[in-house]
């Protein structure tokens, strides 16, 4: 009986070691492809805020042709030597706003690469249950929302998870984030079924997901505030000041 038990233990240990090794090799072999897929998804999310990505569109080609990326600091100054794609926005979110690295993605005209059409910036925050994140695109006036994309890790299906739906995200189009020189952002209201088409700073809420909506509001206000100095500098450049 002892030999039988020993045999079983050794056999199980051998299988575990072999399978573990194979999984490690597979993971290492697929790492490059996984990273490429993550990068492609990031580019697709950025593009989705400003255009419809139809089937068959080469996301990487469009991105490389029309998007210029860089990093700024809280004061709106360019940060040299840092690739926007390398910035871990989740990690930056844990820092004080004044310490964050802030990626910027300029979407330029297809016919005139010198013409700025949209500015896309990442946002990150916390919903009801876990982290939420996304991108916000502003038109060249640096005030009007062209589009947003929100994602979540653990919001409630059918309730807070709706932030990832086109229905919710489309409500932000055309809204304004500034009132004069003051950043007021865009606020998702409590309740659903109300018309805020005449209010440039409010969107309809989500029934049963008030706390997730508050998380989205906090996320937008928090991260857009980090870019105010950069927006002001860019406006001055556009005005030739």
C-alpha atoms as a PDB file:
ATOM      1  CA  UNK A   1       0.000   0.000   0.000  1.00  0.00           C
ATOM      2  CA  UNK A   2       2.878   2.361   0.859  1.00  0.00           C
ATOM      3  CA  UNK A   3       4.468   1.785  -2.529  1.00  0.00           C
ATOM      4  CA  UNK A   4       1.147   2.402  -4.217  1.00  0.00           C
ATOM      5  CA  UNK A   5       0.664   5.698  -2.384  1.00  0.00           C
ATOM      6  CA  UNK A   6       4.233   6.749  -3.131  1.00  0.00           C
ATOM      7  CA  UNK A   7       3.763   5.912  -6.783  1.00  0.00           C
ATOM      8  CA  UNK A   8       0.583   7.992  -6.950  1.00  0.00           C
ATOM      9  CA  UNK A   9       2.279  10.953  -5.281  1.00  0.00           C
ATOM     10  CA  UNK A  10       5.295  10.785  -7.580  1.00  0.00           C
ATOM     11  CA  UNK A  11       3.095  10.371 -10.634  1.00  0.00           C
ATOM     12  CA  UNK A  12       0.946  13.361  -9.633  1.00  0.00           C
ATOM     13  CA  UNK A  13       4.035  15.468  -8.931  1.00  0.00           C
ATOM     14  CA  UNK A  14       5.527  14.513 -12.296  1.00  0.00           C
ATOM     15  CA  UNK A  15       2.359  15.385 -14.167  1.00  0.00           C
ATOM     16  CA  UNK A  16       2.162  18.717 -12.319  1.00  0.00           C
ATOM     17  CA  UNK A  17       5.754  19.605 -13.161  1.00  0.00           C
ATOM     18  CA  UNK A  18       5.420  18.611 -16.812  1.00  0.00           C
ATOM     19  CA  UNK A  19       2.100  20.421 -17.284  1.00  0.00           C
ATOM     20  CA  UNK A  20       3.382  23.478 -15.446  1.00  0.00           C
ATOM     21  CA  UNK A  21       6.429  23.574 -17.671  1.00  0.00           C
ATOM     22  CA  UNK A  22       4.367  23.253 -20.823  1.00  0.00           C
ATOM     23  CA  UNK A  23       2.028  26.030 -19.693  1.00  0.00           C
ATOM     24  CA  UNK A  24       4.978  28.271 -18.885  1.00  0.00           C
ATOM     25  CA  UNK A  25       6.489  27.632 -22.302  1.00  0.00           C
ATOM     26  CA  UNK A  26       3.159  28.304 -24.001  1.00  0.00           C
ATOM     27  CA  UNK A  27       2.685  31.504 -22.051  1.00  0.00           C
ATOM     28  CA  UNK A  28       6.163  32.707 -22.901  1.00  0.00           C
ATOM     29  CA  UNK A  29       5.715  31.781 -26.547  1.00  0.00           C
ATOM     30  CA  UNK A  30       2.419  33.623 -26.808  1.00  0.00           C
ATOM     31  CA  UNK A  31       3.528  36.686 -24.830  1.00  0.00           C
ATOM     32  CA  UNK A  32       4.553  38.653 -27.908  1.00  0.00           C
ATOM     33  CA  UNK A  33       1.252  37.919 -29.646  1.00  0.00           C
ATOM     34  CA  UNK A  34      -0.714  38.781 -26.509  1.00  0.00           C
ATOM     35  CA  UNK A  35       1.074  42.110 -26.210  1.00  0.00           C
ATOM     36  CA  UNK A  36       0.379  42.822 -29.874  1.00  0.00           C
ATOM     37  CA  UNK A  37      -3.327  42.141 -29.339  1.00  0.00           C
ATOM     38  CA  UNK A  38      -3.404  44.420 -26.290  1.00  0.00           C
ATOM     39  CA  UNK A  39      -1.722  47.185 -28.274  1.00  0.00           C
ATOM     40  CA  UNK A  40      -4.137  46.731 -31.181  1.00  0.00           C
ATOM     41  CA  UNK A  41      -7.108  46.941 -28.797  1.00  0.00           C
ATOM     42  CA  UNK A  42      -5.698  50.158 -27.295  1.00  0.00           C
ATOM     43  CA  UNK A  43      -5.400  51.712 -30.747  1.00  0.00           C
ATOM     44  CA  UNK A  44      -8.901  50.565 -31.690  1.00  0.00           C
ATOM     45  CA  UNK A  45     -10.351  52.098 -28.508  1.00  0.00           C
ATOM     46  CA  UNK A  46      -8.686  55.422 -29.233  1.00  0.00           C
ATOM     47  CA  UNK A  47      -9.930  55.461 -32.816  1.00  0.00           C
ATOM     48  CA  UNK A  48     -13.440  54.445 -31.715  1.00  0.00           C
ATOM     49  CA  UNK A  49     -13.895  57.755 -29.920  1.00  0.00           C
ATOM     50  CA  UNK A  50     -13.616  59.708 -33.176  1.00  0.00           C
ATOM     51  CA  UNK A  51     -14.703  57.353 -35.964  1.00  0.00           C
ATOM     52  CA  UNK A  52     -16.671  54.229 -36.764  1.00  0.00           C
ATOM     53  CA  UNK A  53     -14.370  51.296 -37.313  1.00  0.00           C
ATOM     54  CA  UNK A  54     -15.962  49.199 -40.015  1.00  0.00           C
ATOM     55  CA  UNK A  55     -15.198  45.560 -40.695  1.00  0.00           C
ATOM     56  CA  UNK A  56     -12.013  45.136 -42.651  1.00  0.00           C
ATOM     57  CA  UNK A  57     -10.442  48.414 -41.538  1.00  0.00           C
ATOM     58  CA  UNK A  58      -6.738  48.117 -40.801  1.00  0.00           C
ATOM     59  CA  UNK A  59      -6.686  49.674 -37.336  1.00  0.00           C
ATOM     60  CA  UNK A  60      -2.909  49.829 -37.056  1.00  0.00           C
ATOM     61  CA  UNK A  61      -2.571  51.486 -40.465  1.00  0.00           C
ATOM     62  CA  UNK A  62      -5.183  54.166 -39.715  1.00  0.00           C
ATOM     63  CA  UNK A  63      -3.719  54.794 -36.286  1.00  0.00           C
ATOM     64  CA  UNK A  64      -0.148  55.129 -37.542  1.00  0.00           C
ATOM     65  CA  UNK A  65      -1.259  57.474 -40.318  1.00  0.00           C
ATOM     66  CA  UNK A  66      -3.526  59.792 -38.335  1.00  0.00           C
ATOM     67  CA  UNK A  67      -2.546  59.662 -34.663  1.00  0.00           C
ATOM     68  CA  UNK A  68       0.353  61.473 -33.061  1.00  0.00           C
ATOM     69  CA  UNK A  69       0.974  60.624 -29.425  1.00  0.00           C
ATOM     70  CA  UNK A  70       3.072  62.141 -26.657  1.00  0.00           C
ATOM     71  CA  UNK A  71       3.026  62.674 -22.889  1.00  0.00           C
ATOM     72  CA  UNK A  72       2.506  65.850 -20.876  1.00  0.00           C
ATOM     73  CA  UNK A  73       2.689  66.647 -17.185  1.00  0.00           C
ATOM     74  CA  UNK A  74       0.149  68.362 -14.943  1.00  0.00           C
ATOM     75  CA  UNK A  75       1.498  71.779 -15.938  1.00  0.00           C
ATOM     76  CA  UNK A  76       0.901  71.030 -19.599  1.00  0.00           C
ATOM     77  CA  UNK A  77       4.568  70.622 -20.481  1.00  0.00           C
ATOM     78  CA  UNK A  78       5.807  67.925 -22.843  1.00  0.00           C
ATOM     79  CA  UNK A  79       7.610  65.032 -21.156  1.00  0.00           C
ATOM     80  CA  UNK A  80      10.563  63.953 -23.271  1.00  0.00           C
ATOM     81  CA  UNK A  81      11.660  60.360 -23.580  1.00  0.00           C
ATOM     82  CA  UNK A  82       8.347  58.771 -22.555  1.00  0.00           C
ATOM     83  CA  UNK A  83       6.189  56.878 -25.040  1.00  0.00           C
ATOM     84  CA  UNK A  84       2.450  57.406 -24.505  1.00  0.00           C
ATOM     85  CA  UNK A  85       1.790  53.702 -25.065  1.00  0.00           C
ATOM     86  CA  UNK A  86       4.161  52.809 -22.220  1.00  0.00           C
ATOM     87  CA  UNK A  87       2.268  54.851 -19.618  1.00  0.00           C
ATOM     88  CA  UNK A  88       0.275  52.658 -17.233  1.00  0.00           C
ATOM     89  CA  UNK A  89      -2.757  54.872 -16.638  1.00  0.00           C
ATOM     90  CA  UNK A  90      -4.006  52.661 -13.807  1.00  0.00           C
ATOM     91  CA  UNK A  91      -0.719  53.095 -11.968  1.00  0.00           C
ATOM     92  CA  UNK A  92      -0.708  56.846 -12.652  1.00  0.00           C
ATOM     93  CA  UNK A  93      -4.247  57.110 -11.253  1.00  0.00           C
ATOM     94  CA  UNK A  94      -2.927  56.046  -7.849  1.00  0.00           C
ATOM     95  CA  UNK A  95      -0.599  59.063  -7.785  1.00  0.00           C
ATOM     96  CA  UNK A  96      -1.506  62.611  -6.840  1.00  0.00           C
ATOM     97  CA  UNK A  97      -2.783  64.444  -9.957  1.00  0.00           C
ATOM     98  CA  UNK A  98       0.266  66.739  -9.933  1.00  0.00           C
ATOM     99  CA  UNK A  99       2.556  63.711 -10.235  1.00  0.00           C
ATOM    100  CA  UNK A 100       0.825  61.874 -13.079  1.00  0.00           C
ATOM    101  CA  UNK A 101       2.158  61.230 -16.557  1.00  0.00           C
ATOM    102  CA  UNK A 102      -0.625  62.172 -18.989  1.00  0.00           C
ATOM    103  CA  UNK A 103      -0.790  60.595 -22.458  1.00  0.00           C
ATOM    104  CA  UNK A 104      -2.202  62.653 -25.327  1.00  0.00           C
ATOM    105  CA  UNK A 105      -3.363  61.369 -28.708  1.00  0.00           C
ATOM    106  CA  UNK A 106      -3.791  63.873 -31.529  1.00  0.00           C
ATOM    107  CA  UNK A 107      -6.063  62.725 -34.348  1.00  0.00           C
ATOM    108  CA  UNK A 108      -5.168  64.595 -37.512  1.00  0.00           C
ATOM    109  CA  UNK A 109      -6.858  65.218 -40.848  1.00  0.00           C
ATOM    110  CA  UNK A 110      -6.397  62.529 -43.470  1.00  0.00           C
ATOM    111  CA  UNK A 111      -5.833  65.094 -46.226  1.00  0.00           C
ATOM    112  CA  UNK A 112      -3.771  67.513 -44.149  1.00  0.00           C
ATOM    113  CA  UNK A 113      -1.552  65.971 -41.452  1.00  0.00           C
ATOM    114  CA  UNK A 114      -0.894  69.442 -40.014  1.00  0.00           C
ATOM    115  CA  UNK A 115      -4.586  69.959 -39.221  1.00  0.00           C
ATOM    116  CA  UNK A 116      -5.675  68.852 -35.770  1.00  0.00           C
ATOM    117  CA  UNK A 117      -9.175  67.372 -35.732  1.00  0.00           C
ATOM    118  CA  UNK A 118      -9.493  65.797 -32.285  1.00  0.00           C
ATOM    119  CA  UNK A 119      -7.636  65.345 -29.017  1.00  0.00           C
ATOM    120  CA  UNK A 120      -8.080  62.012 -27.229  1.00  0.00           C
ATOM    121  CA  UNK A 121      -7.090  61.519 -23.589  1.00  0.00           C
ATOM    122  CA  UNK A 122      -7.417  58.505 -21.287  1.00  0.00           C
ATOM    123  CA  UNK A 123      -9.520  58.534 -18.118  1.00  0.00           C
ATOM    124  CA  UNK A 124      -9.440  56.174 -15.150  1.00  0.00           C
ATOM    125  CA  UNK A 125     -11.451  55.826 -11.960  1.00  0.00           C
ATOM    126  CA  UNK A 126     -13.501  53.559  -9.729  1.00  0.00           C
ATOM    127  CA  UNK A 127     -17.105  52.440 -10.189  1.00  0.00           C
ATOM    128  CA  UNK A 128     -19.358  50.660  -7.739  1.00  0.00           C
ATOM    129  CA  UNK A 129     -17.320  47.447  -7.494  1.00  0.00           C
ATOM    130  CA  UNK A 130     -14.024  47.904  -9.255  1.00  0.00           C
ATOM    131  CA  UNK A 131     -11.996  50.026 -11.659  1.00  0.00           C
ATOM    132  CA  UNK A 132     -13.485  51.786 -14.678  1.00  0.00           C
ATOM    133  CA  UNK A 133     -11.544  53.415 -17.502  1.00  0.00           C
ATOM    134  CA  UNK A 134     -11.741  54.684 -21.053  1.00  0.00           C
ATOM    135  CA  UNK A 135     -10.964  57.505 -23.473  1.00  0.00           C
ATOM    136  CA  UNK A 136     -12.532  60.897 -24.168  1.00  0.00           C
ATOM    137  CA  UNK A 137     -12.189  62.674 -27.512  1.00  0.00           C
ATOM    138  CA  UNK A 138     -12.601  66.436 -27.777  1.00  0.00           C
ATOM    139  CA  UNK A 139     -13.051  68.370 -30.979  1.00  0.00           C
ATOM    140  CA  UNK A 140     -10.473  70.953 -32.045  1.00  0.00           C
ATOM    141  CA  UNK A 141     -12.162  73.568 -29.829  1.00  0.00           C
ATOM    142  CA  UNK A 142     -10.978  71.486 -26.840  1.00  0.00           C
ATOM    143  CA  UNK A 143     -14.451  71.739 -25.368  1.00  0.00           C
ATOM    144  CA  UNK A 144     -16.952  69.706 -27.385  1.00  0.00           C
ATOM    145  CA  UNK A 145     -17.029  65.962 -26.809  1.00  0.00           C
ATOM    146  CA  UNK A 146     -16.663  64.046 -30.046  1.00  0.00           C
ATOM    147  CA  UNK A 147     -16.991  60.658 -28.416  1.00  0.00           C
ATOM    148  CA  UNK A 148     -16.167  58.501 -25.420  1.00  0.00           C
ATOM    149  CA  UNK A 149     -15.496  54.866 -24.748  1.00  0.00           C
ATOM    150  CA  UNK A 150     -15.912  53.430 -21.255  1.00  0.00           C
ATOM    151  CA  UNK A 151     -14.936  50.009 -19.954  1.00  0.00           C
ATOM    152  CA  UNK A 152     -15.206  48.305 -16.595  1.00  0.00           C
ATOM    153  CA  UNK A 153     -13.913  45.334 -14.666  1.00  0.00           C
ATOM    154  CA  UNK A 154     -16.809  44.331 -12.445  1.00  0.00           C
ATOM    155  CA  UNK A 155     -19.898  46.525 -12.704  1.00  0.00           C
ATOM    156  CA  UNK A 156     -23.293  44.831 -12.442  1.00  0.00           C
ATOM    157  CA  UNK A 157     -24.568  43.324 -15.732  1.00  0.00           C
ATOM    158  CA  UNK A 158     -27.628  45.178 -17.012  1.00  0.00           C
ATOM    159  CA  UNK A 159     -27.021  48.054 -14.601  1.00  0.00           C
ATOM    160  CA  UNK A 160     -23.627  49.724 -14.126  1.00  0.00           C
ATOM    161  CA  UNK A 161     -22.076  47.561 -16.838  1.00  0.00           C
ATOM    162  CA  UNK A 162     -24.112  49.585 -19.328  1.00  0.00           C
ATOM    163  CA  UNK A 163     -21.372  52.225 -19.328  1.00  0.00           C
ATOM    164  CA  UNK A 164     -19.683  50.033 -21.947  1.00  0.00           C
ATOM    165  CA  UNK A 165     -22.722  50.204 -24.252  1.00  0.00           C
ATOM    166  CA  UNK A 166     -23.102  52.504 -27.251  1.00  0.00           C
ATOM    167  CA  UNK A 167     -26.436  53.692 -25.861  1.00  0.00           C
ATOM    168  CA  UNK A 168     -24.779  55.254 -22.832  1.00  0.00           C
ATOM    169  CA  UNK A 169     -21.638  56.439 -24.579  1.00  0.00           C
ATOM    170  CA  UNK A 170     -23.557  58.152 -27.392  1.00  0.00           C
ATOM    171  CA  UNK A 171     -25.225  60.422 -24.835  1.00  0.00           C
ATOM    172  CA  UNK A 172     -21.943  62.268 -24.361  1.00  0.00           C
ATOM    173  CA  UNK A 173     -21.528  63.323 -27.972  1.00  0.00           C
ATOM    174  CA  UNK A 174     -21.777  67.060 -28.467  1.00  0.00           C
ATOM    175  CA  UNK A 175     -21.640  67.857 -24.752  1.00  0.00           C
ATOM    176  CA  UNK A 176     -19.273  70.511 -23.406  1.00  0.00           C
ATOM    177  CA  UNK A 177     -16.632  70.087 -20.720  1.00  0.00           C
ATOM    178  CA  UNK A 178     -15.925  73.795 -20.168  1.00  0.00           C
ATOM    179  CA  UNK A 179     -18.179  76.672 -19.221  1.00  0.00           C
ATOM    180  CA  UNK A 180     -16.144  79.706 -20.126  1.00  0.00           C
ATOM    181  CA  UNK A 181     -12.686  78.989 -18.740  1.00  0.00           C
ATOM    182  CA  UNK A 182     -13.964  76.696 -15.994  1.00  0.00           C
ATOM    183  CA  UNK A 183     -13.891  72.928 -16.338  1.00  0.00           C
ATOM    184  CA  UNK A 184     -17.310  71.622 -15.313  1.00  0.00           C
ATOM    185  CA  UNK A 185     -17.066  68.304 -17.186  1.00  0.00           C
ATOM    186  CA  UNK A 186     -20.164  66.298 -18.130  1.00  0.00           C
ATOM    187  CA  UNK A 187     -22.389  64.900 -15.398  1.00  0.00           C
ATOM    188  CA  UNK A 188     -24.483  61.749 -15.602  1.00  0.00           C
ATOM    189  CA  UNK A 189     -27.664  62.521 -13.699  1.00  0.00           C
ATOM    190  CA  UNK A 190     -29.581  60.288 -11.312  1.00  0.00           C
ATOM    191  CA  UNK A 191     -32.489  58.386 -12.837  1.00  0.00           C
ATOM    192  CA  UNK A 192     -33.231  57.633 -16.451  1.00  0.00           C
ATOM    193  CA  UNK A 193     -35.672  58.739 -19.092  1.00  0.00           C
ATOM    194  CA  UNK A 194     -35.097  62.482 -18.856  1.00  0.00           C
ATOM    195  CA  UNK A 195     -34.231  64.876 -21.662  1.00  0.00           C
ATOM    196  CA  UNK A 196     -31.024  66.836 -21.195  1.00  0.00           C
ATOM    197  CA  UNK A 197     -30.567  67.776 -24.838  1.00  0.00           C
ATOM    198  CA  UNK A 198     -30.688  71.484 -23.936  1.00  0.00           C
ATOM    199  CA  UNK A 199     -28.076  71.193 -21.198  1.00  0.00           C
ATOM    200  CA  UNK A 200     -24.490  71.034 -22.526  1.00  0.00           C
ATOM    201  CA  UNK A 201     -23.109  69.529 -19.314  1.00  0.00           C
ATOM    202  CA  UNK A 202     -25.641  66.820 -18.384  1.00  0.00           C
ATOM    203  CA  UNK A 203     -26.545  63.379 -19.729  1.00  0.00           C
ATOM    204  CA  UNK A 204     -29.329  60.996 -18.775  1.00  0.00           C
ATOM    205  CA  UNK A 205     -28.501  58.478 -16.056  1.00  0.00           C
ATOM    206  CA  UNK A 206     -28.810  54.719 -15.677  1.00  0.00           C
ATOM    207  CA  UNK A 207     -31.682  53.213 -13.719  1.00  0.00           C
ATOM    208  CA  UNK A 208     -30.400  51.225 -10.763  1.00  0.00           C
ATOM    209  CA  UNK A 209     -26.799  52.282 -11.261  1.00  0.00           C
ATOM    210  CA  UNK A 210     -26.502  55.624  -9.494  1.00  0.00           C
ATOM    211  CA  UNK A 211     -23.197  54.778  -7.813  1.00  0.00           C
ATOM    212  CA  UNK A 212     -21.592  53.657 -11.062  1.00  0.00           C
ATOM    213  CA  UNK A 213     -22.782  56.918 -12.622  1.00  0.00           C
ATOM    214  CA  UNK A 214     -21.142  58.855  -9.801  1.00  0.00           C
ATOM    215  CA  UNK A 215     -17.961  56.903 -10.444  1.00  0.00           C
ATOM    216  CA  UNK A 216     -18.042  57.925 -14.100  1.00  0.00           C
ATOM    217  CA  UNK A 217     -18.621  61.555 -13.111  1.00  0.00           C
ATOM    218  CA  UNK A 218     -15.696  61.507 -10.685  1.00  0.00           C
ATOM    219  CA  UNK A 219     -13.483  59.807 -13.254  1.00  0.00           C
ATOM    220  CA  UNK A 220     -14.183  62.410 -15.942  1.00  0.00           C
ATOM    221  CA  UNK A 221     -13.797  65.418 -13.647  1.00  0.00           C
ATOM    222  CA  UNK A 222     -10.652  64.034 -12.025  1.00  0.00           C
ATOM    223  CA  UNK A 223      -8.793  63.157 -15.202  1.00  0.00           C
ATOM    224  CA  UNK A 224      -9.929  66.059 -17.367  1.00  0.00           C
ATOM    225  CA  UNK A 225      -8.788  68.388 -14.572  1.00  0.00           C
ATOM    226  CA  UNK A 226      -5.284  67.010 -14.998  1.00  0.00           C
ATOM    227  CA  UNK A 227      -5.273  68.210 -18.608  1.00  0.00           C
ATOM    228  CA  UNK A 228      -6.583  71.746 -18.057  1.00  0.00           C
ATOM    229  CA  UNK A 229      -3.152  73.381 -18.173  1.00  0.00           C
ATOM    230  CA  UNK A 230      -2.316  71.452 -21.323  1.00  0.00           C
ATOM    231  CA  UNK A 231      -5.627  72.441 -22.940  1.00  0.00           C
ATOM    232  CA  UNK A 232      -4.982  76.097 -22.086  1.00  0.00           C
ATOM    233  CA  UNK A 233      -1.521  75.993 -23.650  1.00  0.00           C
ATOM    234  CA  UNK A 234      -2.853  74.333 -26.772  1.00  0.00           C
ATOM    235  CA  UNK A 235      -5.598  76.957 -27.060  1.00  0.00           C
ATOM    236  CA  UNK A 236      -2.966  79.680 -26.866  1.00  0.00           C
ATOM    237  CA  UNK A 237      -0.985  77.977 -29.638  1.00  0.00           C
ATOM    238  CA  UNK A 238      -4.087  77.758 -31.782  1.00  0.00           C
ATOM    239  CA  UNK A 239      -4.761  81.442 -31.206  1.00  0.00           C
ATOM    240  CA  UNK A 240      -1.177  82.292 -32.098  1.00  0.00           C
ATOM    241  CA  UNK A 241      -0.480  83.779 -28.692  1.00  0.00           C
END
